[in-house]
Amino acid sequence: MKNDTNNCPSCKSSSINLLESINIHDLDKLYKCGFNYSVRELFSEMSSIDFCQCKKCDLRYFTPMVAGTQEFYEYFQNFDWYYFDDKPEFLFAKEYIKDDDDVLEIGAGKGAFSKIISTMRYTGLEFSQNAIEVANKNGVNLISQSIEDYSKTNNNKHDVVCNFQVLEHVCDVNSFLKSSIRCLKPGGTMIISVPSVDSFSRYVRNFTLDMPPHHLTRWTDLALRNIANEYGMKMVELHHEVLQEPHKLFYASTIFENALFSMVGKAHKNVDLGVLTRVIKKLSSILGNIFSKGLASNDLLPRGISTVAVYQKI
């Protein structure tokens, strides 16, 4: 799916900063080297895409927007790490859901979230037929429908509408959020979990899955707070997870990588395939592996990658 507009996909402002232009050949090379998957055909005849920042709401996004196909996502679902059944944000979101709440989850995967909440009134929206089949076998109510279509006949229905690690994959953020809010009862709760730009991930070079056609937008705390301003919601809470065990090596390597790049005076780029970058990344991985072993699970740990935003429909 492709969206050719340069306007902000959330607030629709045309006031933007160009942060970086990314060569499609280089992007394709990243996916081939990292995951043995070519994304070249998804970008048609494009030679590059732009990485921009909205001056109004602070959303960072890639344009033209090119999202992954169903085949693309099914390929990555073959990796064991792609779907986690025990995401930390699940436990945080659970605290906002009462026993009798009617819950809608968008992009529900296999419905893992439904298994940790106490309410039985749960509906999940999901496009993956494989995920739907697994969920239905486990007694989880999933349907294959977009939030836009679902909202047409389910206005003011749900007490809670949530999505976890979904919004960053969406082309038309404005339509997605408006449709989500439309499904909420007055006073209802919207919960959104996304990777946070205000974490160490913003300093990672060649972070393949944080770029199109996988991730299309990047969210700062300010951009998440501005959802409340733009869509008539009340901001309730913004929660950052602590660094998770699987990401400790990633974090430690990133520290050394950026220190070394600073020493040689090399500015940050999303995509950087130069020889010097490969050498620095290799050295940083070795140093990070040593350093990460000393990162105990305590209050000294930094922010993790994910953040959860909670809103109330006014």
C-alpha atoms as a PDB file:
ATOM      1  CA  MET A   1       0.000   0.000   0.000  1.00  0.00           C
ATOM      2  CA  LYS A   2       1.369   3.435  -0.930  1.00  0.00           C
ATOM      3  CA  ASN A   3       0.540   6.980   0.169  1.00  0.00           C
ATOM      4  CA  ASP A   4       2.153   9.714  -1.958  1.00  0.00           C
ATOM      5  CA  THR A   5       1.244  12.788   0.078  1.00  0.00           C
ATOM      6  CA  ASN A   6       4.004  14.794   1.748  1.00  0.00           C
ATOM      7  CA  ASN A   7       1.653  16.146   4.419  1.00  0.00           C
ATOM      8  CA  CYS A   8       1.936  14.851   7.973  1.00  0.00           C
ATOM      9  CA  PRO A   9      -0.015  11.573   8.152  1.00  0.00           C
ATOM     10  CA  SER A  10      -1.402  12.527  11.576  1.00  0.00           C
ATOM     11  CA  CYS A  11      -2.244  16.237  11.733  1.00  0.00           C
ATOM     12  CA  LYS A  12      -2.120  16.764   7.926  1.00  0.00           C
ATOM     13  CA  SER A  13       0.132  19.812   8.277  1.00  0.00           C
ATOM     14  CA  SER A  14       2.302  20.706   5.279  1.00  0.00           C
ATOM     15  CA  SER A  15       4.883  22.393   7.522  1.00  0.00           C
ATOM     16  CA  ILE A  16       7.667  19.834   7.642  1.00  0.00           C
ATOM     17  CA  ASN A  17      11.435  19.463   7.976  1.00  0.00           C
ATOM     18  CA  LEU A  18      13.343  17.133   5.664  1.00  0.00           C
ATOM     19  CA  LEU A  19      15.725  15.162   7.884  1.00  0.00           C
ATOM     20  CA  GLU A  20      17.215  12.655   5.443  1.00  0.00           C
ATOM     21  CA  SER A  21      16.792  11.158   1.981  1.00  0.00           C
ATOM     22  CA  ILE A  22      17.209   7.390   1.809  1.00  0.00           C
ATOM     23  CA  ASN A  23      18.308   5.526  -1.291  1.00  0.00           C
ATOM     24  CA  ILE A  24      15.953   2.610  -2.072  1.00  0.00           C
ATOM     25  CA  HIS A  25      18.830   0.470  -3.305  1.00  0.00           C
ATOM     26  CA  ASP A  26      20.538   0.847   0.073  1.00  0.00           C
ATOM     27  CA  LEU A  27      17.298   0.160   1.941  1.00  0.00           C
ATOM     28  CA  ASP A  28      16.753  -2.978  -0.114  1.00  0.00           C
ATOM     29  CA  LYS A  29      20.315  -4.074   0.628  1.00  0.00           C
ATOM     30  CA  LEU A  30      19.630  -3.744   4.364  1.00  0.00           C
ATOM     31  CA  TYR A  31      16.613  -6.046   4.154  1.00  0.00           C
ATOM     32  CA  LYS A  32      18.507  -8.541   1.978  1.00  0.00           C
ATOM     33  CA  CYS A  33      21.535  -8.651   4.284  1.00  0.00           C
ATOM     34  CA  GLY A  34      19.550  -8.745   7.514  1.00  0.00           C
ATOM     35  CA  PHE A  35      16.579 -10.919   6.584  1.00  0.00           C
ATOM     36  CA  ASN A  36      17.208 -12.354   3.110  1.00  0.00           C
ATOM     37  CA  TYR A  37      14.175 -10.463   1.814  1.00  0.00           C
ATOM     38  CA  SER A  38      14.004  -7.973  -1.049  1.00  0.00           C
ATOM     39  CA  VAL A  39      11.679  -4.967  -0.733  1.00  0.00           C
ATOM     40  CA  ARG A  40      12.683  -3.386  -4.060  1.00  0.00           C
ATOM     41  CA  GLU A  41       9.432  -4.206  -5.899  1.00  0.00           C
ATOM     42  CA  LEU A  42       7.285  -2.601  -3.178  1.00  0.00           C
ATOM     43  CA  PHE A  43       8.790   0.788  -4.015  1.00  0.00           C
ATOM     44  CA  SER A  44       7.944   0.605  -7.751  1.00  0.00           C
ATOM     45  CA  GLU A  45      10.181   2.976  -9.711  1.00  0.00           C
ATOM     46  CA  MET A  46      11.169   5.127  -6.725  1.00  0.00           C
ATOM     47  CA  SER A  47      14.869   5.851  -6.319  1.00  0.00           C
ATOM     48  CA  SER A  48      14.573   7.348  -2.814  1.00  0.00           C
ATOM     49  CA  ILE A  49      12.216   8.214   0.035  1.00  0.00           C
ATOM     50  CA  ASP A  50      12.401  11.074   2.528  1.00  0.00           C
ATOM     51  CA  PHE A  51      12.483  10.998   6.309  1.00  0.00           C
ATOM     52  CA  CYS A  52      10.617  14.049   7.652  1.00  0.00           C
ATOM     53  CA  GLN A  53       9.564  15.772  10.866  1.00  0.00           C
ATOM     54  CA  CYS A  54       6.240  17.560  11.245  1.00  0.00           C
ATOM     55  CA  LYS A  55       6.832  21.038  12.674  1.00  0.00           C
ATOM     56  CA  LYS A  56       3.317  21.139  14.106  1.00  0.00           C
ATOM     57  CA  CYS A  57       2.890  17.813  15.949  1.00  0.00           C
ATOM     58  CA  ASP A  58       6.505  16.502  15.945  1.00  0.00           C
ATOM     59  CA  LEU A  59       5.714  13.200  14.245  1.00  0.00           C
ATOM     60  CA  ARG A  60       8.628  11.703  12.291  1.00  0.00           C
ATOM     61  CA  TYR A  61       7.638   9.819   9.144  1.00  0.00           C
ATOM     62  CA  PHE A  62       8.827   8.455   5.813  1.00  0.00           C
ATOM     63  CA  THR A  63       7.368   9.710   2.546  1.00  0.00           C
ATOM     64  CA  PRO A  64       6.122   8.561   0.103  1.00  0.00           C
ATOM     65  CA  MET A  65       4.652   6.000   2.478  1.00  0.00           C
ATOM     66  CA  VAL A  66       5.074   2.412   1.337  1.00  0.00           C
ATOM     67  CA  ALA A  67       3.682  -0.225   3.685  1.00  0.00           C
ATOM     68  CA  GLY A  68       4.451  -3.925   3.701  1.00  0.00           C
ATOM     69  CA  THR A  69       2.119  -6.357   1.968  1.00  0.00           C
ATOM     70  CA  GLN A  70       0.460  -9.356   3.616  1.00  0.00           C
ATOM     71  CA  GLU A  71       3.209 -11.520   2.092  1.00  0.00           C
ATOM     72  CA  PHE A  72       5.828  -9.247   3.688  1.00  0.00           C
ATOM     73  CA  TYR A  73       4.341  -9.623   7.175  1.00  0.00           C
ATOM     74  CA  GLU A  74       3.739 -13.341   6.833  1.00  0.00           C
ATOM     75  CA  TYR A  75       7.427 -13.747   6.011  1.00  0.00           C
ATOM     76  CA  PHE A  76       8.489 -12.045   9.245  1.00  0.00           C
ATOM     77  CA  GLN A  77       5.939 -13.958  11.296  1.00  0.00           C
ATOM     78  CA  ASN A  78       8.097 -17.021  10.654  1.00  0.00           C
ATOM     79  CA  PHE A  79      10.656 -15.592  13.073  1.00  0.00           C
ATOM     80  CA  ASP A  80      10.004 -16.684  16.669  1.00  0.00           C
ATOM     81  CA  TRP A  81      10.767 -13.211  18.036  1.00  0.00           C
ATOM     82  CA  TYR A  82       8.241 -11.383  15.844  1.00  0.00           C
ATOM     83  CA  TYR A  83       5.186 -11.997  18.057  1.00  0.00           C
ATOM     84  CA  PHE A  84       5.689 -11.883  21.819  1.00  0.00           C
ATOM     85  CA  ASP A  85       2.867 -13.208  24.003  1.00  0.00           C
ATOM     86  CA  ASP A  86       4.125 -11.409  27.106  1.00  0.00           C
ATOM     87  CA  LYS A  87       4.830  -7.843  26.043  1.00  0.00           C
ATOM     88  CA  PRO A  88       5.554  -5.575  29.046  1.00  0.00           C
ATOM     89  CA  GLU A  89       2.992  -3.080  27.780  1.00  0.00           C
ATOM     90  CA  PHE A  90       0.270  -5.731  28.163  1.00  0.00           C
ATOM     91  CA  LEU A  91       0.717  -5.751  31.927  1.00  0.00           C
ATOM     92  CA  PHE A  92       0.671  -1.961  32.087  1.00  0.00           C
ATOM     93  CA  ALA A  93      -2.465  -1.682  29.916  1.00  0.00           C
ATOM     94  CA  LYS A  94      -4.200  -4.381  31.939  1.00  0.00           C
ATOM     95  CA  GLU A  95      -4.403  -1.996  34.902  1.00  0.00           C
ATOM     96  CA  TYR A  96      -6.720   0.282  32.902  1.00  0.00           C
ATOM     97  CA  ILE A  97      -9.235  -2.475  32.080  1.00  0.00           C
ATOM     98  CA  LYS A  98     -12.080  -3.429  34.424  1.00  0.00           C
ATOM     99  CA  ASP A  99     -13.746  -6.824  34.672  1.00  0.00           C
ATOM    100  CA  ASP A 100     -16.843  -5.765  32.729  1.00  0.00           C
ATOM    101  CA  ASP A 101     -15.185  -3.515  30.112  1.00  0.00           C
ATOM    102  CA  ASP A 102     -15.896  -4.061  26.430  1.00  0.00           C
ATOM    103  CA  VAL A 103     -12.447  -4.123  24.781  1.00  0.00           C
ATOM    104  CA  LEU A 104     -11.444  -3.693  21.149  1.00  0.00           C
ATOM    105  CA  GLU A 105      -7.856  -4.487  20.147  1.00  0.00           C
ATOM    106  CA  ILE A 106      -6.614  -3.405  16.703  1.00  0.00           C
ATOM    107  CA  GLY A 107      -3.896  -5.531  15.144  1.00  0.00           C
ATOM    108  CA  ALA A 108      -4.488  -8.245  17.698  1.00  0.00           C
ATOM    109  CA  GLY A 109      -2.066 -10.836  16.316  1.00  0.00           C
ATOM    110  CA  LYS A 110      -3.022 -14.188  17.840  1.00  0.00           C
ATOM    111  CA  GLY A 111      -5.043 -12.505  20.596  1.00  0.00           C
ATOM    112  CA  ALA A 112      -2.443 -12.902  23.349  1.00  0.00           C
ATOM    113  CA  PHE A 113      -3.640  -9.737  25.117  1.00  0.00           C
ATOM    114  CA  SER A 114      -7.126 -11.189  25.548  1.00  0.00           C
ATOM    115  CA  LYS A 115      -5.664 -13.980  27.694  1.00  0.00           C
ATOM    116  CA  ILE A 116      -4.261 -11.663  30.381  1.00  0.00           C
ATOM    117  CA  ILE A 117      -7.231  -9.348  30.909  1.00  0.00           C
ATOM    118  CA  SER A 118     -10.134 -10.290  33.169  1.00  0.00           C
ATOM    119  CA  THR A 119     -13.016  -9.197  30.945  1.00  0.00           C
ATOM    120  CA  MET A 120     -14.644 -11.682  28.578  1.00  0.00           C
ATOM    121  CA  ARG A 121     -15.984  -8.886  26.351  1.00  0.00           C
ATOM    122  CA  TYR A 122     -13.150  -8.776  23.838  1.00  0.00           C
ATOM    123  CA  THR A 123     -12.991  -8.246  20.073  1.00  0.00           C
ATOM    124  CA  GLY A 124      -9.799  -8.247  18.027  1.00  0.00           C
ATOM    125  CA  LEU A 125      -9.191  -6.912  14.527  1.00  0.00           C
ATOM    126  CA  GLU A 126      -6.484  -8.714  12.559  1.00  0.00           C
ATOM    127  CA  PHE A 127      -5.609  -9.202   8.876  1.00  0.00           C
ATOM    128  CA  SER A 128      -3.345 -12.244   9.155  1.00  0.00           C
ATOM    129  CA  GLN A 129      -5.430 -15.308   8.363  1.00  0.00           C
ATOM    130  CA  ASN A 130      -2.876 -17.540  10.062  1.00  0.00           C
ATOM    131  CA  ALA A 131      -3.184 -15.534  13.280  1.00  0.00           C
ATOM    132  CA  ILE A 132      -6.983 -15.540  13.097  1.00  0.00           C
ATOM    133  CA  GLU A 133      -7.087 -19.324  12.689  1.00  0.00           C
ATOM    134  CA  VAL A 134      -4.819 -19.847  15.711  1.00  0.00           C
ATOM    135  CA  ALA A 135      -6.833 -17.385  17.803  1.00  0.00           C
ATOM    136  CA  ASN A 136     -10.209 -18.849  16.869  1.00  0.00           C
ATOM    137  CA  LYS A 137      -8.991 -22.336  17.811  1.00  0.00           C
ATOM    138  CA  ASN A 138      -8.125 -20.893  21.226  1.00  0.00           C
ATOM    139  CA  GLY A 139     -11.558 -19.315  21.634  1.00  0.00           C
ATOM    140  CA  VAL A 140     -10.459 -15.745  20.905  1.00  0.00           C
ATOM    141  CA  ASN A 141     -12.867 -13.565  18.922  1.00  0.00           C
ATOM    142  CA  LEU A 142     -10.893 -12.112  15.988  1.00  0.00           C
ATOM    143  CA  ILE A 143     -12.297 -10.685  12.783  1.00  0.00           C
ATOM    144  CA  SER A 144     -10.592  -9.641   9.561  1.00  0.00           C
ATOM    145  CA  GLN A 145     -11.562  -6.007   9.148  1.00  0.00           C
ATOM    146  CA  SER A 146      -9.915  -2.583   9.142  1.00  0.00           C
ATOM    147  CA  ILE A 147     -10.668  -0.184  11.976  1.00  0.00           C
ATOM    148  CA  GLU A 148     -12.090   2.225   9.399  1.00  0.00           C
ATOM    149  CA  ASP A 149     -14.670  -0.309   8.189  1.00  0.00           C
ATOM    150  CA  TYR A 150     -15.375  -1.598  11.692  1.00  0.00           C
ATOM    151  CA  SER A 151     -16.065   1.908  13.021  1.00  0.00           C
ATOM    152  CA  LYS A 152     -18.838   2.505  10.482  1.00  0.00           C
ATOM    153  CA  THR A 153     -21.208   0.204  12.378  1.00  0.00           C
ATOM    154  CA  ASN A 154     -19.710   0.288  15.883  1.00  0.00           C
ATOM    155  CA  ASN A 155     -19.841   3.909  17.007  1.00  0.00           C
ATOM    156  CA  ASN A 156     -19.569   4.568  20.755  1.00  0.00           C
ATOM    157  CA  LYS A 157     -19.486   0.820  21.481  1.00  0.00           C
ATOM    158  CA  HIS A 158     -16.315   0.031  23.443  1.00  0.00           C
ATOM    159  CA  ASP A 159     -15.020   1.024  26.859  1.00  0.00           C
ATOM    160  CA  VAL A 160     -11.430   0.459  25.754  1.00  0.00           C
ATOM    161  CA  VAL A 161      -9.809   0.599  22.309  1.00  0.00           C
ATOM    162  CA  CYS A 162      -6.161  -0.420  22.210  1.00  0.00           C
ATOM    163  CA  ASN A 163      -3.342  -1.233  19.836  1.00  0.00           C
ATOM    164  CA  PHE A 164       0.150  -2.481  20.639  1.00  0.00           C
ATOM    165  CA  GLN A 165       3.037  -1.901  18.221  1.00  0.00           C
ATOM    166  CA  VAL A 166       0.589  -1.219  15.385  1.00  0.00           C
ATOM    167  CA  LEU A 167       0.375   2.544  14.823  1.00  0.00           C
ATOM    168  CA  GLU A 168       3.936   2.787  13.466  1.00  0.00           C
ATOM    169  CA  HIS A 169       2.894   0.455  10.600  1.00  0.00           C
ATOM    170  CA  VAL A 170      -0.084   2.609   9.516  1.00  0.00           C
ATOM    171  CA  CYS A 171      -0.092   4.856   6.428  1.00  0.00           C
ATOM    172  CA  ASP A 172      -3.122   7.030   7.188  1.00  0.00           C
ATOM    173  CA  VAL A 173      -2.610   7.765  10.884  1.00  0.00           C
ATOM    174  CA  ASN A 174      -5.349  10.402  10.869  1.00  0.00           C
ATOM    175  CA  SER A 175      -8.020   8.004   9.620  1.00  0.00           C
ATOM    176  CA  PHE A 176      -6.811   5.223  11.923  1.00  0.00           C
ATOM    177  CA  LEU A 177      -6.986   7.385  15.060  1.00  0.00           C
ATOM    178  CA  LYS A 178     -10.316   9.015  14.172  1.00  0.00           C
ATOM    179  CA  SER A 179     -11.863   5.598  13.528  1.00  0.00           C
ATOM    180  CA  SER A 180     -10.447   4.245  16.807  1.00  0.00           C
ATOM    181  CA  ILE A 181     -11.907   7.146  18.763  1.00  0.00           C
ATOM    182  CA  ARG A 182     -15.245   6.774  16.978  1.00  0.00           C
ATOM    183  CA  CYS A 183     -15.564   3.257  18.422  1.00  0.00           C
ATOM    184  CA  LEU A 184     -15.077   4.517  21.996  1.00  0.00           C
ATOM    185  CA  LYS A 185     -17.881   5.355  24.373  1.00  0.00           C
ATOM    186  CA  PRO A 186     -17.743   8.891  25.836  1.00  0.00           C
ATOM    187  CA  GLY A 187     -15.277   8.704  28.706  1.00  0.00           C
ATOM    188  CA  GLY A 188     -13.724   5.560  27.227  1.00  0.00           C
ATOM    189  CA  THR A 189     -10.007   4.774  27.213  1.00  0.00           C
ATOM    190  CA  MET A 190      -7.660   4.576  24.238  1.00  0.00           C
ATOM    191  CA  ILE A 191      -4.316   2.815  24.797  1.00  0.00           C
ATOM    192  CA  ILE A 192      -1.480   3.020  22.275  1.00  0.00           C
ATOM    193  CA  SER A 193       1.915   1.350  22.465  1.00  0.00           C
ATOM    194  CA  VAL A 194       4.676   2.314  20.020  1.00  0.00           C
ATOM    195  CA  PRO A 195       8.466   2.275  19.792  1.00  0.00           C
ATOM    196  CA  SER A 196       9.712   5.522  21.328  1.00  0.00           C
ATOM    197  CA  VAL A 197      11.967   7.975  19.518  1.00  0.00           C
ATOM    198  CA  ASP A 198      12.873   9.217  23.000  1.00  0.00           C
ATOM    199  CA  SER A 199      14.767   5.984  23.668  1.00  0.00           C
ATOM    200  CA  PHE A 200      18.186   4.776  22.556  1.00  0.00           C
ATOM    201  CA  SER A 201      16.646   3.470  19.323  1.00  0.00           C
ATOM    202  CA  ARG A 202      16.820   6.944  17.758  1.00  0.00           C
ATOM    203  CA  TYR A 203      20.629   6.616  17.663  1.00  0.00           C
ATOM    204  CA  VAL A 204      20.722   3.251  15.894  1.00  0.00           C
ATOM    205  CA  ARG A 205      22.072   3.224  12.352  1.00  0.00           C
ATOM    206  CA  ASN A 206      20.749   0.675   9.875  1.00  0.00           C
ATOM    207  CA  PHE A 207      17.849  -0.280  12.151  1.00  0.00           C
ATOM    208  CA  THR A 208      16.143  -2.153   9.326  1.00  0.00           C
ATOM    209  CA  LEU A 209      12.793  -2.939  10.949  1.00  0.00           C
ATOM    210  CA  ASP A 210      12.391   0.664  12.112  1.00  0.00           C
ATOM    211  CA  MET A 211      12.162   1.748   8.471  1.00  0.00           C
ATOM    212  CA  PRO A 212       9.735   1.191   5.579  1.00  0.00           C
ATOM    213  CA  PRO A 213       8.064  -0.944   4.527  1.00  0.00           C
ATOM    214  CA  HIS A 214       7.922  -2.137   8.151  1.00  0.00           C
ATOM    215  CA  HIS A 215       7.774   1.039  10.257  1.00  0.00           C
ATOM    216  CA  LEU A 216       6.387   4.134   8.553  1.00  0.00           C
ATOM    217  CA  THR A 217       6.240   6.601  11.457  1.00  0.00           C
ATOM    218  CA  ARG A 218       8.291   7.339  14.579  1.00  0.00           C
ATOM    219  CA  TRP A 219       6.778   8.758  17.744  1.00  0.00           C
ATOM    220  CA  THR A 220       8.303  11.158  20.247  1.00  0.00           C
ATOM    221  CA  ASP A 221       6.664  11.885  23.606  1.00  0.00           C
ATOM    222  CA  LEU A 222       5.626  15.257  22.185  1.00  0.00           C
ATOM    223  CA  ALA A 223       3.982  13.639  19.158  1.00  0.00           C
ATOM    224  CA  LEU A 224       2.062  11.264  21.432  1.00  0.00           C
ATOM    225  CA  ARG A 225       0.935  14.132  23.654  1.00  0.00           C
ATOM    226  CA  ASN A 226      -0.182  16.052  20.587  1.00  0.00           C
ATOM    227  CA  ILE A 227      -2.610  13.241  19.706  1.00  0.00           C
ATOM    228  CA  ALA A 228      -4.717  14.526  22.595  1.00  0.00           C
ATOM    229  CA  ASN A 229      -4.579  18.066  21.204  1.00  0.00           C
ATOM    230  CA  GLU A 230      -5.292  17.090  17.609  1.00  0.00           C
ATOM    231  CA  TYR A 231      -8.105  14.585  18.238  1.00  0.00           C
ATOM    232  CA  GLY A 232      -9.989  16.074  21.181  1.00  0.00           C
ATOM    233  CA  MET A 233      -8.790  13.564  23.755  1.00  0.00           C
ATOM    234  CA  LYS A 234      -7.490  13.942  27.304  1.00  0.00           C
ATOM    235  CA  MET A 235      -3.955  12.695  27.989  1.00  0.00           C
ATOM    236  CA  VAL A 236      -4.063  10.381  31.016  1.00  0.00           C
ATOM    237  CA  GLU A 237      -0.581   8.870  31.208  1.00  0.00           C
ATOM    238  CA  LEU A 238       2.600   8.370  29.223  1.00  0.00           C
ATOM    239  CA  HIS A 239       4.604   5.357  30.397  1.00  0.00           C
ATOM    240  CA  HIS A 240       8.112   4.307  29.335  1.00  0.00           C
ATOM    241  CA  GLU A 241       9.167   0.713  29.902  1.00  0.00           C
ATOM    242  CA  VAL A 242      12.594   0.012  31.363  1.00  0.00           C
ATOM    243  CA  LEU A 243      15.214  -1.655  29.195  1.00  0.00           C
ATOM    244  CA  GLN A 244      14.163  -5.242  28.539  1.00  0.00           C
ATOM    245  CA  GLU A 245      16.526  -8.212  28.825  1.00  0.00           C
ATOM    246  CA  PRO A 246      16.530  -9.014  25.060  1.00  0.00           C
ATOM    247  CA  HIS A 247      17.578  -5.412  24.284  1.00  0.00           C
ATOM    248  CA  LYS A 248      20.513  -5.040  26.704  1.00  0.00           C
ATOM    249  CA  LEU A 249      23.140  -5.997  24.127  1.00  0.00           C
ATOM    250  CA  PHE A 250      21.433  -3.780  21.551  1.00  0.00           C
ATOM    251  CA  TYR A 251      21.549  -0.837  23.984  1.00  0.00           C
ATOM    252  CA  ALA A 252      25.162  -1.403  25.026  1.00  0.00           C
ATOM    253  CA  SER A 253      26.355  -1.726  21.424  1.00  0.00           C
ATOM    254  CA  THR A 254      24.536   1.475  20.496  1.00  0.00           C
ATOM    255  CA  ILE A 255      26.343   3.403  23.263  1.00  0.00           C
ATOM    256  CA  PHE A 256      29.767   2.364  21.968  1.00  0.00           C
ATOM    257  CA  GLU A 257      28.743   2.818  18.350  1.00  0.00           C
ATOM    258  CA  ASN A 258      27.675   6.421  18.842  1.00  0.00           C
ATOM    259  CA  ALA A 259      30.731   7.224  20.958  1.00  0.00           C
ATOM    260  CA  LEU A 260      32.988   5.961  18.189  1.00  0.00           C
ATOM    261  CA  PHE A 261      31.068   7.820  15.486  1.00  0.00           C
ATOM    262  CA  SER A 262      31.339  11.011  17.556  1.00  0.00           C
ATOM    263  CA  MET A 263      35.096  10.522  17.885  1.00  0.00           C
ATOM    264  CA  VAL A 264      35.495  10.423  14.090  1.00  0.00           C
ATOM    265  CA  GLY A 265      33.004  13.270  13.557  1.00  0.00           C
ATOM    266  CA  LYS A 266      30.495  11.238  11.561  1.00  0.00           C
ATOM    267  CA  ALA A 267      26.897  12.509  11.770  1.00  0.00           C
ATOM    268  CA  HIS A 268      23.996  10.120  12.370  1.00  0.00           C
ATOM    269  CA  LYS A 269      22.151   8.627   9.390  1.00  0.00           C
ATOM    270  CA  ASN A 270      19.322   6.109   9.280  1.00  0.00           C
ATOM    271  CA  VAL A 271      21.016   4.221   6.471  1.00  0.00           C
ATOM    272  CA  ASP A 272      24.807   4.112   6.297  1.00  0.00           C
ATOM    273  CA  LEU A 273      26.480   1.254   4.419  1.00  0.00           C
ATOM    274  CA  GLY A 274      30.041   2.601   4.342  1.00  0.00           C
ATOM    275  CA  VAL A 275      33.136   0.572   5.237  1.00  0.00           C
ATOM    276  CA  LEU A 276      33.814   2.709   8.321  1.00  0.00           C
ATOM    277  CA  THR A 277      30.275   2.043   9.573  1.00  0.00           C
ATOM    278  CA  ARG A 278      30.721  -1.707   9.202  1.00  0.00           C
ATOM    279  CA  VAL A 279      33.996  -1.583  11.120  1.00  0.00           C
ATOM    280  CA  ILE A 280      32.530   0.549  13.928  1.00  0.00           C
ATOM    281  CA  LYS A 281      29.446  -1.651  14.217  1.00  0.00           C
ATOM    282  CA  LYS A 282      31.583  -4.783  14.479  1.00  0.00           C
ATOM    283  CA  LEU A 283      33.798  -3.265  17.166  1.00  0.00           C
ATOM    284  CA  SER A 284      30.760  -1.864  19.027  1.00  0.00           C
ATOM    285  CA  SER A 285      29.118  -5.277  19.031  1.00  0.00           C
ATOM    286  CA  ILE A 286      32.198  -6.817  20.681  1.00  0.00           C
ATOM    287  CA  LEU A 287      32.439  -4.063  23.307  1.00  0.00           C
ATOM    288  CA  GLY A 288      28.660  -4.068  23.854  1.00  0.00           C
ATOM    289  CA  ASN A 289      28.640  -7.811  24.455  1.00  0.00           C
ATOM    290  CA  ILE A 290      31.137  -7.346  27.296  1.00  0.00           C
ATOM    291  CA  PHE A 291      29.417  -4.305  28.794  1.00  0.00           C
ATOM    292  CA  SER A 292      25.871  -5.697  28.590  1.00  0.00           C
ATOM    293  CA  LYS A 293      26.753  -8.573  30.920  1.00  0.00           C
ATOM    294  CA  GLY A 294      27.085  -6.024  33.733  1.00  0.00           C
ATOM    295  CA  LEU A 295      23.665  -4.449  33.165  1.00  0.00           C
ATOM    296  CA  ALA A 296      21.721  -5.774  36.137  1.00  0.00           C
ATOM    297  CA  SER A 297      17.942  -5.465  36.315  1.00  0.00           C
ATOM    298  CA  ASN A 298      17.595  -2.522  38.691  1.00  0.00           C
ATOM    299  CA  ASP A 299      16.594   1.121  38.876  1.00  0.00           C
ATOM    300  CA  LEU A 300      19.748   2.173  37.007  1.00  0.00           C
ATOM    301  CA  LEU A 301      18.492   0.708  33.737  1.00  0.00           C
ATOM    302  CA  PRO A 302      17.580   3.293  31.071  1.00  0.00           C
ATOM    303  CA  ARG A 303      14.343   3.557  29.125  1.00  0.00           C
ATOM    304  CA  GLY A 304      13.448   0.648  26.947  1.00  0.00           C
ATOM    305  CA  ILE A 305      12.284   0.943  23.348  1.00  0.00           C
ATOM    306  CA  SER A 306       8.512   0.948  23.910  1.00  0.00           C
ATOM    307  CA  THR A 307       6.217   3.549  25.391  1.00  0.00           C
ATOM    308  CA  VAL A 308       2.496   3.391  26.217  1.00  0.00           C
ATOM    309  CA  ALA A 309       0.147   6.364  25.889  1.00  0.00           C
ATOM    310  CA  VAL A 310      -3.262   6.380  27.597  1.00  0.00           C
ATOM    311  CA  TYR A 311      -6.049   8.774  26.583  1.00  0.00           C
ATOM    312  CA  GLN A 312      -9.651   9.424  27.589  1.00  0.00           C
ATOM    313  CA  LYS A 313     -12.405  10.317  25.158  1.00  0.00           C
ATOM    314  CA  ILE A 314     -13.931  13.628  26.203  1.00  0.00           C
END
